[in-house]
Structure formats: structure tokens, C-alpha cells
Amino acid sequence: MPDRQQSSISGAESARLHVKQEIRRLRSLLKEITQAYLVRREAEIAALGSWMDDLKLSEDDAKKDEQRLKHILEEITKLLSSLKIKPEKGRLRDIRRLHTLVDDLHKLREQQGG
């Protein structure tokens, strides 16, 4: 009988160690996924910054361009000011809101031919 009890303890210990290893793997996966996401989103945000550098008035039709630029900047400002997040809480909903904002800014950029 002691052998059976010992083997079930060993089986339980083996299962516990396996689960512990999988939990460590989850931590690693979380870090890998969030790092890849972060790099991609930072690049997209940097591209939006470059778009701002490219938004300049042309000398040909300054009045028309000025109105267009003013409208674009108002839209961007409205989108940026709508972001309500609490980064210190580390909530998924804040990441979603930020994700949506970046997507909306890219859509606006595409609509404007940028």
C-alpha cells in the first residue's frame, strides 16, 4: 500500500510542477505579446507624429489649405481630448480606448489622403 500512496503523491507533485511551469509560461507569453503590441502601436503613433510634420500649408492655395488644415486639427484635437483613461490602473479597457483612438486617428489620416 505505501507504494500506491507514494506514487499518487508523486503523480500529484508532477502535476503541480507541470501547472507551475505552465503558469510561468503564461507570464512569459504575456510579456512577449504586450511587448510586440507596444512596439507596433508606438510605431503607429510615431507615424501619426510624422503626419503632423507633413501637414503644412501649400503656397498655391493657402486660404483653402488653411481651412482644410484647421478642420483636420480640430478633428484630431476632439479625438485626443476624448481619451479618458487611468494608466496607473493598468486596465484592459484603457488599452482598448487607446487602441481605438489610434485607429480613429489613422482613419482620419487616410480620409485626408495622408
PDB file of N, CA and C in Angstrom:
ATOM      1  N   MET A   1       0.790  -1.207   0.000  1.00  0.00           N
ATOM      2  CA  MET A   1       0.000   0.000   0.000  1.00  0.00           C
ATOM      3  C   MET A   1       0.832   1.271   0.000  1.00  0.00           C
ATOM      4  N   PRO A   2       1.913   1.317   0.747  1.00  0.00           N
ATOM      5  CA  PRO A   2       2.685   2.548   0.761  1.00  0.00           C
ATOM      6  C   PRO A   2       3.179   2.951  -0.630  1.00  0.00           C
ATOM      7  N   ASP A   3       3.423   1.959  -1.475  1.00  0.00           N
ATOM      8  CA  ASP A   3       3.890   2.294  -2.820  1.00  0.00           C
ATOM      9  C   ASP A   3       2.825   3.044  -3.611  1.00  0.00           C
ATOM     10  N   ARG A   4       1.559   2.633  -3.457  1.00  0.00           N
ATOM     11  CA  ARG A   4       0.462   3.314  -4.155  1.00  0.00           C
ATOM     12  C   ARG A   4       0.315   4.739  -3.665  1.00  0.00           C
ATOM     13  N   GLN A   5       0.400   4.924  -2.349  1.00  0.00           N
ATOM     14  CA  GLN A   5       0.271   6.266  -1.787  1.00  0.00           C
ATOM     15  C   GLN A   5       1.427   7.138  -2.270  1.00  0.00           C
ATOM     16  N   GLN A   6       2.616   6.577  -2.272  1.00  0.00           N
ATOM     17  CA  GLN A   6       3.798   7.309  -2.733  1.00  0.00           C
ATOM     18  C   GLN A   6       3.670   7.679  -4.207  1.00  0.00           C
ATOM     19  N   SER A   7       3.146   6.740  -5.025  1.00  0.00           N
ATOM     20  CA  SER A   7       3.030   7.026  -6.455  1.00  0.00           C
ATOM     21  C   SER A   7       1.965   8.086  -6.713  1.00  0.00           C
ATOM     22  N   SER A   8       0.882   8.102  -5.915  1.00  0.00           N
ATOM     23  CA  SER A   8      -0.130   9.143  -6.112  1.00  0.00           C
ATOM     24  C   SER A   8       0.394  10.509  -5.664  1.00  0.00           C
ATOM     25  N   ILE A   9       1.208  10.524  -4.643  1.00  0.00           N
ATOM     26  CA  ILE A   9       1.833  11.779  -4.225  1.00  0.00           C
ATOM     27  C   ILE A   9       2.788  12.249  -5.309  1.00  0.00           C
ATOM     28  N   SER A  10       3.546  11.333  -5.852  1.00  0.00           N
ATOM     29  CA  SER A  10       4.467  11.686  -6.924  1.00  0.00           C
ATOM     30  C   SER A  10       3.701  12.187  -8.144  1.00  0.00           C
ATOM     31  N   GLY A  11       2.555  11.541  -8.437  1.00  0.00           N
ATOM     32  CA  GLY A  11       1.722  11.977  -9.549  1.00  0.00           C
ATOM     33  C   GLY A  11       1.168  13.370  -9.313  1.00  0.00           C
ATOM     34  N   ALA A  12       0.722  13.621  -8.083  1.00  0.00           N
ATOM     35  CA  ALA A  12       0.199  14.942  -7.729  1.00  0.00           C
ATOM     36  C   ALA A  12       1.319  15.980  -7.773  1.00  0.00           C
ATOM     37  N   GLU A  13       2.479  15.606  -7.297  1.00  0.00           N
ATOM     38  CA  GLU A  13       3.628  16.528  -7.316  1.00  0.00           C
ATOM     39  C   GLU A  13       4.032  16.828  -8.752  1.00  0.00           C
ATOM     40  N   SER A  14       4.016  15.817  -9.596  1.00  0.00           N
ATOM     41  CA  SER A  14       4.351  16.007 -11.000  1.00  0.00           C
ATOM     42  C   SER A  14       3.347  16.946 -11.666  1.00  0.00           C
ATOM     43  N   ALA A  15       2.067  16.748 -11.367  1.00  0.00           N
ATOM     44  CA  ALA A  15       1.022  17.608 -11.930  1.00  0.00           C
ATOM     45  C   ALA A  15       1.182  19.047 -11.433  1.00  0.00           C
ATOM     46  N   ARG A  16       1.493  19.201 -10.149  1.00  0.00           N
ATOM     47  CA  ARG A  16       1.679  20.532  -9.575  1.00  0.00           C
ATOM     48  C   ARG A  16       2.831  21.245 -10.260  1.00  0.00           C
ATOM     49  N   LEU A  17       3.929  20.541 -10.464  1.00  0.00           N
ATOM     50  CA  LEU A  17       5.094  21.140 -11.118  1.00  0.00           C
ATOM     51  C   LEU A  17       4.788  21.508 -12.572  1.00  0.00           C
ATOM     52  N   HIS A  18       4.015  20.663 -13.224  1.00  0.00           N
ATOM     53  CA  HIS A  18       3.623  20.950 -14.609  1.00  0.00           C
ATOM     54  C   HIS A  18       2.768  22.224 -14.666  1.00  0.00           C
ATOM     55  N   VAL A  19       1.796  22.328 -13.773  1.00  0.00           N
ATOM     56  CA  VAL A  19       0.926  23.516 -13.737  1.00  0.00           C
ATOM     57  C   VAL A  19       1.750  24.762 -13.417  1.00  0.00           C
ATOM     58  N   LYS A  20       2.661  24.629 -12.482  1.00  0.00           N
ATOM     59  CA  LYS A  20       3.521  25.762 -12.125  1.00  0.00           C
ATOM     60  C   LYS A  20       4.339  26.217 -13.336  1.00  0.00           C
ATOM     61  N   GLN A  21       4.848  25.263 -14.098  1.00  0.00           N
ATOM     62  CA  GLN A  21       5.620  25.575 -15.301  1.00  0.00           C
ATOM     63  C   GLN A  21       4.735  26.283 -16.342  1.00  0.00           C
ATOM     64  N   GLU A  22       3.512  25.835 -16.501  1.00  0.00           N
ATOM     65  CA  GLU A  22       2.588  26.451 -17.459  1.00  0.00           C
ATOM     66  C   GLU A  22       2.224  27.880 -17.034  1.00  0.00           C
ATOM     67  N   ILE A  23       2.092  28.098 -15.736  1.00  0.00           N
ATOM     68  CA  ILE A  23       1.807  29.447 -15.236  1.00  0.00           C
ATOM     69  C   ILE A  23       2.986  30.374 -15.524  1.00  0.00           C
ATOM     70  N   ARG A  24       4.197  29.881 -15.329  1.00  0.00           N
ATOM     71  CA  ARG A  24       5.393  30.676 -15.688  1.00  0.00           C
ATOM     72  C   ARG A  24       5.387  30.984 -17.176  1.00  0.00           C
ATOM     73  N   ARG A  25       4.973  29.995 -17.978  1.00  0.00           N
ATOM     74  CA  ARG A  25       4.893  30.185 -19.429  1.00  0.00           C
ATOM     75  C   ARG A  25       3.876  31.275 -19.765  1.00  0.00           C
ATOM     76  N   LEU A  26       2.759  31.325 -19.032  1.00  0.00           N
ATOM     77  CA  LEU A  26       1.764  32.374 -19.244  1.00  0.00           C
ATOM     78  C   LEU A  26       2.363  33.752 -19.012  1.00  0.00           C
ATOM     79  N   ARG A  27       3.132  33.876 -17.959  1.00  0.00           N
ATOM     80  CA  ARG A  27       3.788  35.156 -17.668  1.00  0.00           C
ATOM     81  C   ARG A  27       4.702  35.563 -18.818  1.00  0.00           C
ATOM     82  N   SER A  28       5.446  34.599 -19.312  1.00  0.00           N
ATOM     83  CA  SER A  28       6.351  34.854 -20.421  1.00  0.00           C
ATOM     84  C   SER A  28       5.579  35.263 -21.676  1.00  0.00           C
ATOM     85  N   LEU A  29       4.497  34.552 -21.959  1.00  0.00           N
ATOM     86  CA  LEU A  29       3.660  34.879 -23.120  1.00  0.00           C
ATOM     87  C   LEU A  29       3.065  36.273 -22.999  1.00  0.00           C
ATOM     88  N   LEU A  30       2.606  36.618 -21.813  1.00  0.00           N
ATOM     89  CA  LEU A  30       2.054  37.952 -21.588  1.00  0.00           C
ATOM     90  C   LEU A  30       3.092  39.024 -21.902  1.00  0.00           C
ATOM     91  N   LYS A  31       4.294  38.826 -21.411  1.00  0.00           N
ATOM     92  CA  LYS A  31       5.367  39.795 -21.672  1.00  0.00           C
ATOM     93  C   LYS A  31       5.683  39.886 -23.163  1.00  0.00           C
ATOM     94  N   GLU A  32       5.747  38.744 -23.823  1.00  0.00           N
ATOM     95  CA  GLU A  32       6.071  38.708 -25.254  1.00  0.00           C
ATOM     96  C   GLU A  32       4.985  39.402 -26.089  1.00  0.00           C
ATOM     97  N   ILE A  33       3.737  39.088 -25.798  1.00  0.00           N
ATOM     98  CA  ILE A  33       2.627  39.664 -26.548  1.00  0.00           C
ATOM     99  C   ILE A  33       2.530  41.168 -26.306  1.00  0.00           C
ATOM    100  N   THR A  34       2.609  41.584 -25.055  1.00  0.00           N
ATOM    101  CA  THR A  34       2.478  43.016 -24.768  1.00  0.00           C
ATOM    102  C   THR A  34       3.651  43.799 -25.345  1.00  0.00           C
ATOM    103  N   GLN A  35       4.830  43.225 -25.346  1.00  0.00           N
ATOM    104  CA  GLN A  35       5.990  43.915 -25.927  1.00  0.00           C
ATOM    105  C   GLN A  35       5.811  44.100 -27.430  1.00  0.00           C
ATOM    106  N   ALA A  36       5.354  43.046 -28.118  1.00  0.00           N
ATOM    107  CA  ALA A  36       5.129  43.139 -29.564  1.00  0.00           C
ATOM    108  C   ALA A  36       4.036  44.162 -29.866  1.00  0.00           C
ATOM    109  N   TYR A  37       2.977  44.150 -29.083  1.00  0.00           N
ATOM    110  CA  TYR A  37       1.881  45.118 -29.258  1.00  0.00           C
ATOM    111  C   TYR A  37       2.391  46.538 -29.036  1.00  0.00           C
ATOM    112  N   LEU A  38       3.158  46.711 -27.984  1.00  0.00           N
ATOM    113  CA  LEU A  38       3.695  48.024 -27.650  1.00  0.00           C
ATOM    114  C   LEU A  38       4.581  48.570 -28.771  1.00  0.00           C
ATOM    115  N   VAL A  39       5.448  47.751 -29.289  1.00  0.00           N
ATOM    116  CA  VAL A  39       6.338  48.182 -30.376  1.00  0.00           C
ATOM    117  C   VAL A  39       5.521  48.599 -31.592  1.00  0.00           C
ATOM    118  N   ARG A  40       4.511  47.770 -31.948  1.00  0.00           N
ATOM    119  CA  ARG A  40       3.689  48.082 -33.116  1.00  0.00           C
ATOM    120  C   ARG A  40       2.895  49.373 -32.922  1.00  0.00           C
ATOM    121  N   ARG A  41       2.265  49.539 -31.779  1.00  0.00           N
ATOM    122  CA  ARG A  41       1.467  50.742 -31.521  1.00  0.00           C
ATOM    123  C   ARG A  41       2.340  51.995 -31.445  1.00  0.00           C
ATOM    124  N   GLU A  42       3.512  51.880 -30.839  1.00  0.00           N
ATOM    125  CA  GLU A  42       4.409  53.032 -30.774  1.00  0.00           C
ATOM    126  C   GLU A  42       4.815  53.474 -32.178  1.00  0.00           C
ATOM    127  N   ALA A  43       5.044  52.525 -33.065  1.00  0.00           N
ATOM    128  CA  ALA A  43       5.394  52.861 -34.448  1.00  0.00           C
ATOM    129  C   ALA A  43       4.218  53.558 -35.137  1.00  0.00           C
ATOM    130  N   GLU A  44       3.007  53.086 -34.881  1.00  0.00           N
ATOM    131  CA  GLU A  44       1.823  53.705 -35.476  1.00  0.00           C
ATOM    132  C   GLU A  44       1.632  55.126 -34.949  1.00  0.00           C
ATOM    133  N   ILE A  45       1.886  55.327 -33.682  1.00  0.00           N
ATOM    134  CA  ILE A  45       1.763  56.669 -33.098  1.00  0.00           C
ATOM    135  C   ILE A  45       2.860  57.579 -33.645  1.00  0.00           C
ATOM    136  N   ALA A  46       4.058  57.042 -33.820  1.00  0.00           N
ATOM    137  CA  ALA A  46       5.146  57.830 -34.418  1.00  0.00           C
ATOM    138  C   ALA A  46       4.785  58.243 -35.844  1.00  0.00           C
ATOM    139  N   ALA A  47       4.118  57.355 -36.578  1.00  0.00           N
ATOM    140  CA  ALA A  47       3.683  57.684 -37.942  1.00  0.00           C
ATOM    141  C   ALA A  47       2.673  58.824 -37.920  1.00  0.00           C
ATOM    142  N   LEU A  48       1.836  58.851 -36.898  1.00  0.00           N
ATOM    143  CA  LEU A  48       0.890  59.969 -36.767  1.00  0.00           C
ATOM    144  C   LEU A  48       1.636  61.277 -36.506  1.00  0.00           C
ATOM    145  N   GLY A  49       2.704  61.205 -35.732  1.00  0.00           N
ATOM    146  CA  GLY A  49       3.536  62.387 -35.494  1.00  0.00           C
ATOM    147  C   GLY A  49       4.169  62.884 -36.783  1.00  0.00           C
ATOM    148  N   SER A  50       4.611  61.956 -37.620  1.00  0.00           N
ATOM    149  CA  SER A  50       5.176  62.323 -38.920  1.00  0.00           C
ATOM    150  C   SER A  50       4.117  62.958 -39.801  1.00  0.00           C
ATOM    151  N   TRP A  51       2.890  62.463 -39.703  1.00  0.00           N
ATOM    152  CA  TRP A  51       1.778  63.048 -40.458  1.00  0.00           C
ATOM    153  C   TRP A  51       1.607  64.518 -40.078  1.00  0.00           C
ATOM    154  N   MET A  52       1.741  64.814 -38.789  1.00  0.00           N
ATOM    155  CA  MET A  52       1.618  66.208 -38.347  1.00  0.00           C
ATOM    156  C   MET A  52       2.728  67.064 -38.961  1.00  0.00           C
ATOM    157  N   ASP A  53       3.917  66.496 -39.082  1.00  0.00           N
ATOM    158  CA  ASP A  53       5.018  67.228 -39.710  1.00  0.00           C
ATOM    159  C   ASP A  53       4.725  67.517 -41.177  1.00  0.00           C
ATOM    160  N   ASP A  54       4.003  66.580 -41.823  1.00  0.00           N
ATOM    161  CA  ASP A  54       3.696  66.726 -43.240  1.00  0.00           C
ATOM    162  C   ASP A  54       2.523  67.659 -43.512  1.00  0.00           C
ATOM    163  N   LEU A  55       1.706  67.927 -42.497  1.00  0.00           N
ATOM    164  CA  LEU A  55       0.559  68.816 -42.688  1.00  0.00           C
ATOM    165  C   LEU A  55       1.032  70.267 -42.669  1.00  0.00           C
ATOM    166  N   LYS A  56       1.297  70.769 -43.840  1.00  0.00           N
ATOM    167  CA  LYS A  56       1.757  72.152 -43.957  1.00  0.00           C
ATOM    168  C   LYS A  56       0.956  72.833 -45.043  1.00  0.00           C
ATOM    169  N   LEU A  57       0.881  74.118 -44.957  1.00  0.00           N
ATOM    170  CA  LEU A  57       0.164  74.884 -45.965  1.00  0.00           C
ATOM    171  C   LEU A  57       0.983  74.970 -47.239  1.00  0.00           C
ATOM    172  N   SER A  58       0.297  74.732 -48.362  1.00  0.00           N
ATOM    173  CA  SER A  58       0.982  74.935 -49.636  1.00  0.00           C
ATOM    174  C   SER A  58       0.838  76.413 -50.020  1.00  0.00           C
ATOM    175  N   GLU A  59       1.774  76.905 -50.759  1.00  0.00           N
ATOM    176  CA  GLU A  59       1.754  78.318 -51.136  1.00  0.00           C
ATOM    177  C   GLU A  59       0.747  78.602 -52.243  1.00  0.00           C
ATOM    178  N   ASP A  60       0.363  77.569 -52.993  1.00  0.00           N
ATOM    179  CA  ASP A  60      -0.540  77.748 -54.133  1.00  0.00           C
ATOM    180  C   ASP A  60      -1.932  78.201 -53.713  1.00  0.00           C
ATOM    181  N   ASP A  61      -2.527  77.495 -52.795  1.00  0.00           N
ATOM    182  CA  ASP A  61      -3.905  77.772 -52.407  1.00  0.00           C
ATOM    183  C   ASP A  61      -3.980  77.873 -50.887  1.00  0.00           C
ATOM    184  N   ALA A  62      -3.312  78.867 -50.342  1.00  0.00           N
ATOM    185  CA  ALA A  62      -3.130  78.992 -48.904  1.00  0.00           C
ATOM    186  C   ALA A  62      -4.449  79.092 -48.142  1.00  0.00           C
ATOM    187  N   LYS A  63      -5.412  79.841 -48.652  1.00  0.00           N
ATOM    188  CA  LYS A  63      -6.664  80.026 -47.918  1.00  0.00           C
ATOM    189  C   LYS A  63      -7.436  78.703 -47.808  1.00  0.00           C
ATOM    190  N   LYS A  64      -7.545  77.991 -48.925  1.00  0.00           N
ATOM    191  CA  LYS A  64      -8.238  76.712 -48.934  1.00  0.00           C
ATOM    192  C   LYS A  64      -7.506  75.697 -48.053  1.00  0.00           C
ATOM    193  N   ASP A  65      -6.200  75.650 -48.165  1.00  0.00           N
ATOM    194  CA  ASP A  65      -5.395  74.731 -47.347  1.00  0.00           C
ATOM    195  C   ASP A  65      -5.503  75.070 -45.864  1.00  0.00           C
ATOM    196  N   GLU A  66      -5.558  76.341 -45.573  1.00  0.00           N
ATOM    197  CA  GLU A  66      -5.641  76.759 -44.172  1.00  0.00           C
ATOM    198  C   GLU A  66      -6.951  76.271 -43.547  1.00  0.00           C
ATOM    199  N   GLN A  67      -8.055  76.387 -44.293  1.00  0.00           N
ATOM    200  CA  GLN A  67      -9.345  75.895 -43.789  1.00  0.00           C
ATOM    201  C   GLN A  67      -9.319  74.378 -43.605  1.00  0.00           C
ATOM    202  N   ARG A  68      -8.757  73.686 -44.582  1.00  0.00           N
ATOM    203  CA  ARG A  68      -8.654  72.234 -44.514  1.00  0.00           C
ATOM    204  C   ARG A  68      -7.800  71.808 -43.330  1.00  0.00           C
ATOM    205  N   LEU A  69      -6.661  72.456 -43.165  1.00  0.00           N
ATOM    206  CA  LEU A  69      -5.760  72.144 -42.064  1.00  0.00           C
ATOM    207  C   LEU A  69      -6.425  72.421 -40.719  1.00  0.00           C
ATOM    208  N   LYS A  70      -7.134  73.536 -40.643  1.00  0.00           N
ATOM    209  CA  LYS A  70      -7.824  73.885 -39.400  1.00  0.00           C
ATOM    210  C   LYS A  70      -8.864  72.828 -39.053  1.00  0.00           C
ATOM    211  N   HIS A  71      -9.606  72.370 -40.056  1.00  0.00           N
ATOM    212  CA  HIS A  71     -10.620  71.340 -39.837  1.00  0.00           C
ATOM    213  C   HIS A  71      -9.977  70.039 -39.354  1.00  0.00           C
ATOM    214  N   ILE A  72      -8.926  69.626 -39.998  1.00  0.00           N
ATOM    215  CA  ILE A  72      -8.226  68.389 -39.600  1.00  0.00           C
ATOM    216  C   ILE A  72      -7.725  68.497 -38.165  1.00  0.00           C
ATOM    217  N   LEU A  73      -7.112  69.610 -37.848  1.00  0.00           N
ATOM    218  CA  LEU A  73      -6.566  69.792 -36.498  1.00  0.00           C
ATOM    219  C   LEU A  73      -7.661  69.829 -35.441  1.00  0.00           C
ATOM    220  N   GLU A  74      -8.809  70.400 -35.783  1.00  0.00           N
ATOM    221  CA  GLU A  74      -9.943  70.398 -34.851  1.00  0.00           C
ATOM    222  C   GLU A  74     -10.437  68.971 -34.608  1.00  0.00           C
ATOM    223  N   GLU A  75     -10.521  68.177 -35.671  1.00  0.00           N
ATOM    224  CA  GLU A  75     -10.949  66.784 -35.536  1.00  0.00           C
ATOM    225  C   GLU A  75      -9.969  65.993 -34.671  1.00  0.00           C
ATOM    226  N   ILE A  76      -8.691  66.193 -34.917  1.00  0.00           N
ATOM    227  CA  ILE A  76      -7.657  65.491 -34.146  1.00  0.00           C
ATOM    228  C   ILE A  76      -7.735  65.898 -32.680  1.00  0.00           C
ATOM    229  N   THR A  77      -7.869  67.181 -32.435  1.00  0.00           N
ATOM    230  CA  THR A  77      -7.952  67.679 -31.057  1.00  0.00           C
ATOM    231  C   THR A  77      -9.165  67.101 -30.347  1.00  0.00           C
ATOM    232  N   LYS A  78     -10.294  67.021 -31.065  1.00  0.00           N
ATOM    233  CA  LYS A  78     -11.511  66.453 -30.481  1.00  0.00           C
ATOM    234  C   LYS A  78     -11.287  64.986 -30.107  1.00  0.00           C
ATOM    235  N   LEU A  79     -10.668  64.238 -30.999  1.00  0.00           N
ATOM    236  CA  LEU A  79     -10.392  62.824 -30.716  1.00  0.00           C
ATOM    237  C   LEU A  79      -9.443  62.676 -29.529  1.00  0.00           C
ATOM    238  N   LEU A  80      -8.382  63.457 -29.526  1.00  0.00           N
ATOM    239  CA  LEU A  80      -7.393  63.352 -28.443  1.00  0.00           C
ATOM    240  C   LEU A  80      -7.987  63.740 -27.093  1.00  0.00           C
ATOM    241  N   SER A  81      -8.821  64.762 -27.085  1.00  0.00           N
ATOM    242  CA  SER A  81      -9.391  65.206 -25.806  1.00  0.00           C
ATOM    243  C   SER A  81     -10.469  64.258 -25.295  1.00  0.00           C
ATOM    244  N   SER A  82     -10.966  63.378 -26.165  1.00  0.00           N
ATOM    245  CA  SER A  82     -11.995  62.425 -25.740  1.00  0.00           C
ATOM    246  C   SER A  82     -11.407  61.235 -24.982  1.00  0.00           C
ATOM    247  N   LEU A  83     -10.095  61.100 -25.004  1.00  0.00           N
ATOM    248  CA  LEU A  83      -9.454  59.959 -24.339  1.00  0.00           C
ATOM    249  C   LEU A  83      -9.509  60.128 -22.826  1.00  0.00           C
ATOM    250  N   LYS A  84     -10.233  59.227 -22.203  1.00  0.00           N
ATOM    251  CA  LYS A  84     -10.372  59.236 -20.742  1.00  0.00           C
ATOM    252  C   LYS A  84      -9.855  57.897 -20.216  1.00  0.00           C
ATOM    253  N   ILE A  85      -8.649  57.913 -19.710  1.00  0.00           N
ATOM    254  CA  ILE A  85      -8.056  56.682 -19.189  1.00  0.00           C
ATOM    255  C   ILE A  85      -7.371  56.939 -17.855  1.00  0.00           C
ATOM    256  N   LYS A  86      -7.086  55.855 -17.160  1.00  0.00           N
ATOM    257  CA  LYS A  86      -6.351  55.893 -15.897  1.00  0.00           C
ATOM    258  C   LYS A  86      -5.196  54.900 -16.022  1.00  0.00           C
ATOM    259  N   PRO A  87      -4.068  55.349 -16.608  1.00  0.00           N
ATOM    260  CA  PRO A  87      -2.959  54.424 -16.877  1.00  0.00           C
ATOM    261  C   PRO A  87      -2.427  53.714 -15.637  1.00  0.00           C
ATOM    262  N   GLU A  88      -2.501  54.356 -14.505  1.00  0.00           N
ATOM    263  CA  GLU A  88      -1.949  53.758 -13.292  1.00  0.00           C
ATOM    264  C   GLU A  88      -2.698  52.496 -12.878  1.00  0.00           C
ATOM    265  N   LYS A  89      -3.925  52.322 -13.375  1.00  0.00           N
ATOM    266  CA  LYS A  89      -4.706  51.141 -13.012  1.00  0.00           C
ATOM    267  C   LYS A  89      -4.380  49.940 -13.889  1.00  0.00           C
ATOM    268  N   GLY A  90      -3.777  50.176 -15.049  1.00  0.00           N
ATOM    269  CA  GLY A  90      -3.387  49.073 -15.921  1.00  0.00           C
ATOM    270  C   GLY A  90      -4.561  48.240 -16.417  1.00  0.00           C
ATOM    271  N   ARG A  91      -5.658  48.904 -16.755  1.00  0.00           N
ATOM    272  CA  ARG A  91      -6.869  48.189 -17.155  1.00  0.00           C
ATOM    273  C   ARG A  91      -6.899  47.927 -18.664  1.00  0.00           C
ATOM    274  N   LEU A  92      -7.470  46.788 -19.016  1.00  0.00           N
ATOM    275  CA  LEU A  92      -7.612  46.425 -20.418  1.00  0.00           C
ATOM    276  C   LEU A  92      -8.511  47.424 -21.147  1.00  0.00           C
ATOM    277  N   ARG A  93      -9.519  47.944 -20.468  1.00  0.00           N
ATOM    278  CA  ARG A  93     -10.417  48.908 -21.114  1.00  0.00           C
ATOM    279  C   ARG A  93      -9.654  50.168 -21.523  1.00  0.00           C
ATOM    280  N   ASP A  94      -8.647  50.563 -20.769  1.00  0.00           N
ATOM    281  CA  ASP A  94      -7.845  51.728 -21.143  1.00  0.00           C
ATOM    282  C   ASP A  94      -6.995  51.438 -22.377  1.00  0.00           C
ATOM    283  N   ILE A  95      -6.483  50.222 -22.465  1.00  0.00           N
ATOM    284  CA  ILE A  95      -5.728  49.825 -23.659  1.00  0.00           C
ATOM    285  C   ILE A  95      -6.661  49.835 -24.864  1.00  0.00           C
ATOM    286  N   ARG A  96      -7.875  49.329 -24.689  1.00  0.00           N
ATOM    287  CA  ARG A  96      -8.848  49.339 -25.790  1.00  0.00           C
ATOM    288  C   ARG A  96      -9.160  50.760 -26.237  1.00  0.00           C
ATOM    289  N   ARG A  97      -9.352  51.651 -25.280  1.00  0.00           N
ATOM    290  CA  ARG A  97      -9.659  53.044 -25.628  1.00  0.00           C
ATOM    291  C   ARG A  97      -8.497  53.681 -26.392  1.00  0.00           C
ATOM    292  N   LEU A  98      -7.301  53.434 -25.939  1.00  0.00           N
ATOM    293  CA  LEU A  98      -6.120  53.954 -26.622  1.00  0.00           C
ATOM    294  C   LEU A  98      -6.000  53.342 -28.018  1.00  0.00           C
ATOM    295  N   HIS A  99      -6.236  52.050 -28.108  1.00  0.00           N
ATOM    296  CA  HIS A  99      -6.203  51.334 -29.384  1.00  0.00           C
ATOM    297  C   HIS A  99      -7.210  51.951 -30.367  1.00  0.00           C
ATOM    298  N   THR A 100      -8.422  52.167 -29.896  1.00  0.00           N
ATOM    299  CA  THR A 100      -9.474  52.757 -30.729  1.00  0.00           C
ATOM    300  C   THR A 100      -9.101  54.169 -31.161  1.00  0.00           C
ATOM    301  N   LEU A 101      -8.535  54.945 -30.267  1.00  0.00           N
ATOM    302  CA  LEU A 101      -8.129  56.308 -30.606  1.00  0.00           C
ATOM    303  C   LEU A 101      -7.081  56.307 -31.719  1.00  0.00           C
ATOM    304  N   VAL A 102      -6.080  55.467 -31.590  1.00  0.00           N
ATOM    305  CA  VAL A 102      -5.032  55.394 -32.624  1.00  0.00           C
ATOM    306  C   VAL A 102      -5.644  54.952 -33.955  1.00  0.00           C
ATOM    307  N   ASP A 103      -6.547  53.984 -33.911  1.00  0.00           N
ATOM    308  CA  ASP A 103      -7.224  53.548 -35.133  1.00  0.00           C
ATOM    309  C   ASP A 103      -8.030  54.691 -35.757  1.00  0.00           C
ATOM    310  N   ASP A 104      -8.752  55.427 -34.923  1.00  0.00           N
ATOM    311  CA  ASP A 104      -9.554  56.545 -35.424  1.00  0.00           C
ATOM    312  C   ASP A 104      -8.671  57.627 -36.042  1.00  0.00           C
ATOM    313  N   LEU A 105      -7.536  57.888 -35.436  1.00  0.00           N
ATOM    314  CA  LEU A 105      -6.610  58.883 -35.992  1.00  0.00           C
ATOM    315  C   LEU A 105      -6.059  58.420 -37.342  1.00  0.00           C
ATOM    316  N   HIS A 106      -5.771  57.134 -37.453  1.00  0.00           N
ATOM    317  CA  HIS A 106      -5.289  56.602 -38.733  1.00  0.00           C
ATOM    318  C   HIS A 106      -6.377  56.673 -39.805  1.00  0.00           C
ATOM    319  N   LYS A 107      -7.624  56.415 -39.418  1.00  0.00           N
ATOM    320  CA  LYS A 107      -8.737  56.541 -40.368  1.00  0.00           C
ATOM    321  C   LYS A 107      -8.868  57.973 -40.856  1.00  0.00           C
ATOM    322  N   LEU A 108      -8.759  58.908 -39.937  1.00  0.00           N
ATOM    323  CA  LEU A 108      -8.813  60.319 -40.317  1.00  0.00           C
ATOM    324  C   LEU A 108      -7.685  60.674 -41.258  1.00  0.00           C
ATOM    325  N   ARG A 109      -6.524  60.155 -40.966  1.00  0.00           N
ATOM    326  CA  ARG A 109      -5.368  60.388 -41.833  1.00  0.00           C
ATOM    327  C   ARG A 109      -5.630  59.861 -43.245  1.00  0.00           C
ATOM    328  N   GLU A 110      -6.178  58.663 -43.322  1.00  0.00           N
ATOM    329  CA  GLU A 110      -6.485  58.069 -44.629  1.00  0.00           C
ATOM    330  C   GLU A 110      -7.547  58.877 -45.370  1.00  0.00           C
ATOM    331  N   GLN A 111      -8.547  59.361 -44.640  1.00  0.00           N
ATOM    332  CA  GLN A 111      -9.602  60.177 -45.258  1.00  0.00           C
ATOM    333  C   GLN A 111      -9.040  61.470 -45.833  1.00  0.00           C
ATOM    334  N   GLN A 112      -8.011  61.980 -45.197  1.00  0.00           N
ATOM    335  CA  GLN A 112      -7.415  63.241 -45.628  1.00  0.00           C
ATOM    336  C   GLN A 112      -6.333  63.017 -46.680  1.00  0.00           C
ATOM    337  N   GLY A 113      -6.111  61.767 -47.044  1.00  0.00           N
ATOM    338  CA  GLY A 113      -5.103  61.467 -48.062  1.00  0.00           C
ATOM    339  C   GLY A 113      -3.684  61.554 -47.546  1.00  0.00           C
ATOM    340  N   GLY A 114      -3.527  61.339 -46.228  1.00  0.00           N
ATOM    341  CA  GLY A 114      -2.191  61.439 -45.633  1.00  0.00           C
ATOM    342  C   GLY A 114      -1.461  60.164 -45.509  1.00  0.00           C
TER     343      GLY A 114
END
